[in-house]
């Protein structure tokens, strides 16, 4: 494993996750402040928007994967099949029952999502297809 390449991959994942986090927090804030809904639907809609953004960018630029998009998306869907209900229920309980600030709860969920999803994507979703897309091949050919 090339440590420099992995560091760069981690930095790209961080950058794209920050952009996805901005999408999530802005959409959460818009829904939370304008509609007056409970925590969970605002969080769920914001999470879905950020996941779609993050998956698309990380597949192409971070992991540079040429694998089958529906299969990769199905694997990511499996992650969110567990993460989403757990984080939604925990977040709703913390915000609605315990009285924690909704933005603090969302930030904690986002940090947990960042770490878990990177590990899941790197070692499961894209494990066998890293650096196989046209971008990676073009870079390898130019070396």
N, C-alpha and C. Protein backbone atom coordinates (compact mmCIF):
# COMPACT_ATOMS: atom_id res chain seq x y z
N UNK A 1 0.85 -1.18 0.00
CA UNK A 1 0.00 0.00 0.00
C UNK A 1 0.89 1.24 0.00
N UNK A 2 0.67 2.13 -0.92
CA UNK A 2 1.40 3.37 -1.05
C UNK A 2 0.84 4.39 -0.05
N UNK A 3 1.65 4.73 0.97
CA UNK A 3 1.18 5.62 2.04
C UNK A 3 0.83 7.01 1.52
N UNK A 4 1.59 7.50 0.57
CA UNK A 4 1.31 8.82 0.00
C UNK A 4 -0.03 8.82 -0.72
N UNK A 5 -0.29 7.78 -1.50
CA UNK A 5 -1.56 7.68 -2.22
C UNK A 5 -2.73 7.56 -1.25
N UNK A 6 -2.54 6.82 -0.16
CA UNK A 6 -3.61 6.67 0.83
C UNK A 6 -3.86 7.98 1.58
N UNK A 7 -2.80 8.73 1.85
CA UNK A 7 -2.97 10.03 2.49
C UNK A 7 -3.75 10.97 1.57
N UNK A 8 -3.38 10.99 0.30
CA UNK A 8 -4.09 11.82 -0.67
C UNK A 8 -5.54 11.38 -0.78
N UNK A 9 -5.79 10.09 -0.80
CA UNK A 9 -7.15 9.56 -0.88
C UNK A 9 -7.95 10.02 0.35
N UNK A 10 -7.33 9.95 1.51
CA UNK A 10 -8.00 10.39 2.75
C UNK A 10 -8.32 11.88 2.70
N UNK A 11 -7.40 12.66 2.17
CA UNK A 11 -7.63 14.11 2.08
C UNK A 11 -8.76 14.43 1.10
N UNK A 12 -8.80 13.72 -0.02
CA UNK A 12 -9.90 13.92 -0.97
C UNK A 12 -11.22 13.55 -0.32
N UNK A 13 -11.24 12.43 0.40
CA UNK A 13 -12.47 12.01 1.07
C UNK A 13 -12.90 13.08 2.08
N UNK A 14 -11.95 13.63 2.81
CA UNK A 14 -12.25 14.69 3.76
C UNK A 14 -12.85 15.91 3.06
N UNK A 15 -12.21 16.34 1.97
CA UNK A 15 -12.69 17.50 1.22
C UNK A 15 -14.11 17.28 0.70
N UNK A 16 -14.36 16.14 0.07
CA UNK A 16 -15.69 15.88 -0.46
C UNK A 16 -16.71 15.69 0.66
N UNK A 17 -16.27 15.13 1.78
CA UNK A 17 -17.17 14.97 2.92
C UNK A 17 -17.53 16.32 3.52
N UNK A 18 -16.59 17.25 3.53
CA UNK A 18 -16.90 18.60 4.00
C UNK A 18 -17.95 19.23 3.09
N UNK A 19 -17.78 19.07 1.78
CA UNK A 19 -18.78 19.64 0.85
C UNK A 19 -20.14 18.97 1.04
N UNK A 20 -20.14 17.65 1.27
CA UNK A 20 -21.40 16.95 1.54
C UNK A 20 -21.98 17.40 2.88
N UNK A 21 -21.10 17.65 3.84
CA UNK A 21 -21.55 18.14 5.14
C UNK A 21 -22.21 19.51 5.02
N UNK A 22 -21.66 20.36 4.17
CA UNK A 22 -22.28 21.67 3.94
C UNK A 22 -23.66 21.52 3.33
N UNK A 23 -23.78 20.60 2.38
CA UNK A 23 -25.09 20.33 1.79
C UNK A 23 -26.05 19.83 2.86
N UNK A 24 -25.55 18.94 3.71
CA UNK A 24 -26.41 18.38 4.75
C UNK A 24 -26.84 19.44 5.76
N UNK A 25 -25.93 20.23 6.23
CA UNK A 25 -26.27 21.19 7.28
C UNK A 25 -27.13 22.32 6.73
N UNK A 26 -26.87 22.76 5.50
CA UNK A 26 -27.69 23.82 4.91
C UNK A 26 -29.10 23.32 4.65
N UNK A 27 -29.22 22.12 4.07
CA UNK A 27 -30.57 21.60 3.81
C UNK A 27 -31.29 21.28 5.13
N UNK A 28 -30.54 20.78 6.14
CA UNK A 28 -31.15 20.55 7.44
C UNK A 28 -31.66 21.86 8.04
N UNK A 29 -30.83 22.89 7.99
CA UNK A 29 -31.22 24.19 8.56
C UNK A 29 -32.44 24.76 7.85
N UNK A 30 -32.45 24.68 6.53
CA UNK A 30 -33.60 25.20 5.78
C UNK A 30 -34.89 24.46 6.17
N UNK A 31 -34.82 23.15 6.23
CA UNK A 31 -36.00 22.37 6.61
C UNK A 31 -36.39 22.62 8.07
N UNK A 32 -35.40 22.61 8.95
CA UNK A 32 -35.65 22.75 10.38
C UNK A 32 -36.22 24.13 10.73
N UNK A 33 -35.66 25.17 10.11
CA UNK A 33 -36.06 26.54 10.47
C UNK A 33 -37.31 27.02 9.75
N UNK A 34 -37.57 26.50 8.55
CA UNK A 34 -38.72 27.01 7.78
C UNK A 34 -39.98 26.17 7.92
N UNK A 35 -39.84 24.87 8.14
CA UNK A 35 -41.02 24.02 8.16
C UNK A 35 -41.51 23.66 9.56
N UNK A 36 -40.63 23.77 10.54
CA UNK A 36 -41.03 23.43 11.90
C UNK A 36 -41.29 21.95 12.12
N UNK A 37 -40.70 21.13 11.29
CA UNK A 37 -40.88 19.67 11.43
C UNK A 37 -40.08 19.16 12.62
N UNK A 38 -40.40 17.94 13.07
CA UNK A 38 -39.55 17.30 14.09
C UNK A 38 -38.14 17.04 13.50
N UNK A 39 -37.23 16.68 14.38
CA UNK A 39 -35.84 16.48 13.98
C UNK A 39 -35.70 15.45 12.86
N UNK A 40 -36.34 14.29 13.00
CA UNK A 40 -36.02 13.15 12.13
C UNK A 40 -36.28 13.39 10.65
N UNK A 41 -37.40 13.98 10.19
CA UNK A 41 -37.54 14.15 8.73
C UNK A 41 -36.55 15.16 8.16
N UNK A 42 -36.23 16.19 8.93
CA UNK A 42 -35.23 17.17 8.46
C UNK A 42 -33.87 16.50 8.29
N UNK A 43 -33.48 15.73 9.29
CA UNK A 43 -32.20 15.02 9.25
C UNK A 43 -32.17 14.01 8.11
N UNK A 44 -33.23 13.24 7.95
CA UNK A 44 -33.27 12.18 6.95
C UNK A 44 -33.15 12.73 5.53
N UNK A 45 -33.89 13.76 5.23
CA UNK A 45 -33.83 14.38 3.89
C UNK A 45 -32.44 14.96 3.64
N UNK A 46 -31.90 15.66 4.63
CA UNK A 46 -30.56 16.25 4.49
C UNK A 46 -29.50 15.17 4.31
N UNK A 47 -29.63 14.09 5.05
CA UNK A 47 -28.67 12.98 4.94
C UNK A 47 -28.70 12.36 3.54
N UNK A 48 -29.88 12.13 3.00
CA UNK A 48 -30.01 11.53 1.66
C UNK A 48 -29.35 12.42 0.61
N UNK A 49 -29.59 13.72 0.69
CA UNK A 49 -28.97 14.64 -0.27
C UNK A 49 -27.44 14.60 -0.19
N UNK A 50 -26.91 14.58 1.02
CA UNK A 50 -25.46 14.57 1.18
C UNK A 50 -24.84 13.24 0.75
N UNK A 51 -25.54 12.14 0.98
CA UNK A 51 -25.03 10.81 0.59
C UNK A 51 -24.91 10.71 -0.93
N UNK A 52 -25.92 11.17 -1.64
CA UNK A 52 -25.87 11.11 -3.10
C UNK A 52 -24.70 11.93 -3.64
N UNK A 53 -24.51 13.11 -3.11
CA UNK A 53 -23.40 13.98 -3.51
C UNK A 53 -22.05 13.31 -3.21
N UNK A 54 -21.91 12.84 -1.97
CA UNK A 54 -20.65 12.27 -1.51
C UNK A 54 -20.29 11.00 -2.29
N UNK A 55 -21.27 10.13 -2.52
CA UNK A 55 -21.01 8.90 -3.26
C UNK A 55 -20.51 9.21 -4.66
N UNK A 56 -21.19 10.11 -5.34
CA UNK A 56 -20.84 10.44 -6.72
C UNK A 56 -19.41 10.97 -6.82
N UNK A 57 -19.06 11.91 -5.98
CA UNK A 57 -17.72 12.51 -6.05
C UNK A 57 -16.64 11.54 -5.59
N UNK A 58 -16.89 10.84 -4.50
CA UNK A 58 -15.85 9.92 -3.99
C UNK A 58 -15.63 8.73 -4.90
N UNK A 59 -16.67 8.23 -5.54
CA UNK A 59 -16.49 7.11 -6.47
C UNK A 59 -15.58 7.53 -7.62
N UNK A 60 -15.83 8.72 -8.16
CA UNK A 60 -15.08 9.17 -9.33
C UNK A 60 -13.68 9.69 -8.99
N UNK A 61 -13.57 10.51 -7.97
CA UNK A 61 -12.31 11.22 -7.74
C UNK A 61 -11.46 10.67 -6.59
N UNK A 62 -12.07 10.18 -5.54
CA UNK A 62 -11.29 9.69 -4.40
C UNK A 62 -10.82 8.27 -4.62
N UNK A 63 -11.78 7.38 -4.91
CA UNK A 63 -11.44 5.97 -5.09
C UNK A 63 -11.20 5.65 -6.56
N UNK A 64 -11.55 6.56 -7.44
CA UNK A 64 -11.36 6.43 -8.89
C UNK A 64 -11.71 5.01 -9.35
N UNK A 65 -12.94 4.67 -9.07
CA UNK A 65 -13.41 3.31 -9.29
C UNK A 65 -14.20 3.18 -10.59
N UNK A 66 -13.92 2.11 -11.31
CA UNK A 66 -14.66 1.80 -12.53
C UNK A 66 -15.68 0.69 -12.28
N UNK A 67 -15.91 0.37 -11.02
CA UNK A 67 -16.84 -0.74 -10.75
C UNK A 67 -18.26 -0.37 -11.13
N UNK A 68 -19.10 -1.35 -11.14
CA UNK A 68 -20.50 -1.21 -11.49
C UNK A 68 -21.20 -0.27 -10.52
N UNK A 69 -21.76 0.83 -11.03
CA UNK A 69 -22.40 1.83 -10.17
C UNK A 69 -23.55 1.23 -9.35
N UNK A 70 -24.47 0.48 -9.95
CA UNK A 70 -25.55 -0.07 -9.13
C UNK A 70 -25.06 -0.99 -8.01
N UNK A 71 -24.02 -1.76 -8.27
CA UNK A 71 -23.49 -2.65 -7.22
C UNK A 71 -22.84 -1.81 -6.11
N UNK A 72 -22.04 -0.82 -6.49
CA UNK A 72 -21.41 0.04 -5.49
C UNK A 72 -22.47 0.79 -4.69
N UNK A 73 -23.49 1.31 -5.37
CA UNK A 73 -24.56 2.02 -4.67
C UNK A 73 -25.34 1.08 -3.76
N UNK A 74 -25.52 -0.16 -4.17
CA UNK A 74 -26.21 -1.14 -3.31
C UNK A 74 -25.40 -1.40 -2.05
N UNK A 75 -24.09 -1.47 -2.18
CA UNK A 75 -23.23 -1.66 -1.00
C UNK A 75 -23.32 -0.46 -0.06
N UNK A 76 -23.33 0.74 -0.63
CA UNK A 76 -23.48 1.95 0.18
C UNK A 76 -24.86 1.97 0.82
N UNK A 77 -25.87 1.54 0.07
CA UNK A 77 -27.23 1.46 0.61
C UNK A 77 -27.27 0.54 1.83
N UNK A 78 -26.52 -0.56 1.79
CA UNK A 78 -26.47 -1.48 2.95
C UNK A 78 -25.90 -0.77 4.18
N UNK A 79 -24.87 0.04 3.97
CA UNK A 79 -24.31 0.82 5.08
C UNK A 79 -25.38 1.72 5.67
N UNK A 80 -26.08 2.43 4.81
CA UNK A 80 -27.09 3.38 5.28
C UNK A 80 -28.36 2.70 5.78
N UNK A 81 -28.56 1.45 5.41
CA UNK A 81 -29.67 0.68 5.95
C UNK A 81 -29.51 0.49 7.46
N UNK A 82 -28.28 0.46 7.91
CA UNK A 82 -27.98 0.34 9.34
C UNK A 82 -27.73 1.73 9.95
N UNK A 83 -26.89 2.52 9.31
CA UNK A 83 -26.51 3.81 9.88
C UNK A 83 -27.71 4.76 9.99
N UNK A 84 -28.54 4.84 8.98
CA UNK A 84 -29.62 5.82 8.98
C UNK A 84 -30.62 5.61 10.11
N UNK A 85 -31.18 4.39 10.27
CA UNK A 85 -32.12 4.25 11.40
C UNK A 85 -31.44 4.47 12.75
N UNK A 86 -30.21 3.97 12.89
CA UNK A 86 -29.51 4.13 14.17
C UNK A 86 -29.26 5.61 14.46
N UNK A 87 -28.74 6.35 13.49
CA UNK A 87 -28.44 7.76 13.72
C UNK A 87 -29.71 8.61 13.81
N UNK A 88 -30.74 8.24 13.07
CA UNK A 88 -32.00 8.98 13.12
C UNK A 88 -32.68 8.79 14.48
N UNK A 89 -32.75 7.55 14.94
CA UNK A 89 -33.39 7.28 16.23
C UNK A 89 -32.59 7.89 17.38
N UNK A 90 -31.27 7.69 17.35
CA UNK A 90 -30.43 8.27 18.40
C UNK A 90 -30.50 9.79 18.37
N UNK A 91 -30.40 10.36 17.17
CA UNK A 91 -30.47 11.82 17.03
C UNK A 91 -31.80 12.38 17.48
N UNK A 92 -32.88 11.71 17.10
CA UNK A 92 -34.21 12.18 17.51
C UNK A 92 -34.36 12.10 19.03
N UNK A 93 -33.86 11.01 19.61
CA UNK A 93 -33.94 10.86 21.07
C UNK A 93 -33.13 11.96 21.76
N UNK A 94 -31.90 12.20 21.27
CA UNK A 94 -31.07 13.23 21.88
C UNK A 94 -31.69 14.63 21.74
N UNK A 95 -32.25 14.92 20.56
CA UNK A 95 -32.79 16.26 20.30
C UNK A 95 -34.18 16.45 20.93
N UNK A 96 -35.05 15.47 20.79
CA UNK A 96 -36.44 15.64 21.22
C UNK A 96 -36.68 15.24 22.68
N UNK A 97 -36.01 14.20 23.15
CA UNK A 97 -36.25 13.69 24.50
C UNK A 97 -35.27 14.28 25.52
N UNK A 98 -33.97 14.21 25.18
CA UNK A 98 -32.95 14.68 26.11
C UNK A 98 -32.82 16.21 26.06
N UNK A 99 -33.16 16.79 24.90
CA UNK A 99 -33.13 18.24 24.77
C UNK A 99 -31.83 18.81 24.25
N UNK A 100 -30.97 17.97 23.66
CA UNK A 100 -29.73 18.48 23.08
C UNK A 100 -30.06 19.36 21.88
N UNK A 101 -29.18 20.28 21.59
CA UNK A 101 -29.33 21.15 20.43
C UNK A 101 -29.31 20.33 19.15
N UNK A 102 -30.25 20.61 18.25
CA UNK A 102 -30.37 19.84 17.00
C UNK A 102 -29.11 19.91 16.15
N UNK A 103 -28.44 21.07 16.17
CA UNK A 103 -27.24 21.24 15.34
C UNK A 103 -26.05 20.48 15.93
N UNK A 104 -25.95 20.42 17.24
CA UNK A 104 -24.92 19.62 17.89
C UNK A 104 -25.12 18.14 17.56
N UNK A 105 -26.36 17.67 17.66
CA UNK A 105 -26.67 16.27 17.35
C UNK A 105 -26.35 15.96 15.90
N UNK A 106 -26.74 16.85 15.00
CA UNK A 106 -26.45 16.64 13.58
C UNK A 106 -24.95 16.63 13.34
N UNK A 107 -24.21 17.53 13.98
CA UNK A 107 -22.75 17.55 13.84
C UNK A 107 -22.11 16.27 14.33
N UNK A 108 -22.58 15.74 15.45
CA UNK A 108 -22.06 14.47 15.96
C UNK A 108 -22.36 13.32 14.99
N UNK A 109 -23.57 13.30 14.45
CA UNK A 109 -23.92 12.28 13.46
C UNK A 109 -23.04 12.39 12.21
N UNK A 110 -22.76 13.61 11.80
CA UNK A 110 -21.93 13.82 10.61
C UNK A 110 -20.49 13.34 10.86
N UNK A 111 -19.95 13.61 12.03
CA UNK A 111 -18.59 13.15 12.35
C UNK A 111 -18.52 11.63 12.39
N UNK A 112 -19.52 11.02 12.99
CA UNK A 112 -19.55 9.55 13.06
C UNK A 112 -19.70 8.96 11.65
N UNK A 113 -20.53 9.58 10.84
CA UNK A 113 -20.74 9.13 9.47
C UNK A 113 -19.45 9.23 8.67
N UNK A 114 -18.70 10.32 8.82
CA UNK A 114 -17.46 10.53 8.09
C UNK A 114 -16.48 9.38 8.33
N UNK A 115 -16.23 9.07 9.57
CA UNK A 115 -15.25 8.03 9.92
C UNK A 115 -15.72 6.66 9.45
N UNK A 116 -16.95 6.30 9.78
CA UNK A 116 -17.46 4.97 9.44
C UNK A 116 -17.58 4.77 7.93
N UNK A 117 -18.04 5.79 7.23
CA UNK A 117 -18.21 5.63 5.79
C UNK A 117 -16.87 5.54 5.06
N UNK A 118 -15.87 6.31 5.49
CA UNK A 118 -14.57 6.18 4.84
C UNK A 118 -14.05 4.75 4.96
N UNK A 119 -14.08 4.20 6.15
CA UNK A 119 -13.59 2.84 6.37
C UNK A 119 -14.40 1.83 5.56
N UNK A 120 -15.71 1.99 5.55
CA UNK A 120 -16.58 1.08 4.81
C UNK A 120 -16.32 1.16 3.31
N UNK A 121 -16.23 2.38 2.78
CA UNK A 121 -15.98 2.56 1.34
C UNK A 121 -14.61 2.02 0.96
N UNK A 122 -13.60 2.38 1.73
CA UNK A 122 -12.22 2.00 1.40
C UNK A 122 -12.00 0.49 1.43
N UNK A 123 -12.55 -0.15 2.46
CA UNK A 123 -12.24 -1.57 2.66
C UNK A 123 -13.35 -2.53 2.24
N UNK A 124 -14.49 -2.01 1.80
CA UNK A 124 -15.55 -2.90 1.34
C UNK A 124 -16.09 -2.49 -0.03
N UNK A 125 -16.62 -1.30 -0.15
CA UNK A 125 -17.28 -0.90 -1.40
C UNK A 125 -16.30 -0.85 -2.56
N UNK A 126 -15.17 -0.17 -2.39
CA UNK A 126 -14.23 0.05 -3.49
C UNK A 126 -12.94 -0.74 -3.36
N UNK A 127 -12.86 -1.62 -2.40
CA UNK A 127 -11.63 -2.36 -2.08
C UNK A 127 -10.92 -2.93 -3.32
N UNK A 128 -11.66 -3.60 -4.18
CA UNK A 128 -11.05 -4.27 -5.34
C UNK A 128 -11.07 -3.44 -6.62
N UNK A 129 -11.58 -2.21 -6.54
CA UNK A 129 -11.68 -1.42 -7.76
C UNK A 129 -11.04 -0.04 -7.65
N UNK A 130 -10.22 0.16 -6.64
CA UNK A 130 -9.57 1.46 -6.47
C UNK A 130 -8.59 1.70 -7.61
N UNK A 131 -8.63 2.92 -8.13
CA UNK A 131 -7.75 3.38 -9.22
C UNK A 131 -7.92 2.57 -10.50
N UNK A 132 -9.17 2.26 -10.84
CA UNK A 132 -9.44 1.51 -12.07
C UNK A 132 -10.21 2.32 -13.12
N UNK A 133 -10.62 3.55 -12.82
CA UNK A 133 -11.39 4.30 -13.81
C UNK A 133 -10.46 5.02 -14.79
N UNK A 134 -11.05 5.72 -15.75
CA UNK A 134 -10.29 6.39 -16.80
C UNK A 134 -9.33 7.44 -16.24
N UNK A 135 -9.75 8.16 -15.20
CA UNK A 135 -8.86 9.16 -14.59
C UNK A 135 -7.58 8.52 -14.06
N UNK A 136 -7.73 7.42 -13.35
CA UNK A 136 -6.56 6.74 -12.77
C UNK A 136 -5.68 6.16 -13.87
N UNK A 137 -6.28 5.57 -14.88
CA UNK A 137 -5.50 4.98 -15.97
C UNK A 137 -4.75 6.05 -16.75
N UNK A 138 -5.38 7.20 -16.95
CA UNK A 138 -4.72 8.31 -17.66
C UNK A 138 -3.50 8.79 -16.85
N UNK A 139 -3.68 8.91 -15.54
CA UNK A 139 -2.57 9.35 -14.69
C UNK A 139 -1.43 8.32 -14.69
N UNK A 140 -1.79 7.05 -14.64
CA UNK A 140 -0.77 5.98 -14.63
C UNK A 140 -0.01 5.95 -15.95
N UNK A 141 -0.72 6.22 -17.05
CA UNK A 141 -0.08 6.21 -18.36
C UNK A 141 0.88 7.39 -18.54
N UNK A 142 0.59 8.50 -17.85
CA UNK A 142 1.43 9.69 -18.00
C UNK A 142 2.69 9.63 -17.13
N UNK A 143 2.80 8.65 -16.29
CA UNK A 143 3.99 8.54 -15.41
C UNK A 143 5.17 7.97 -16.15
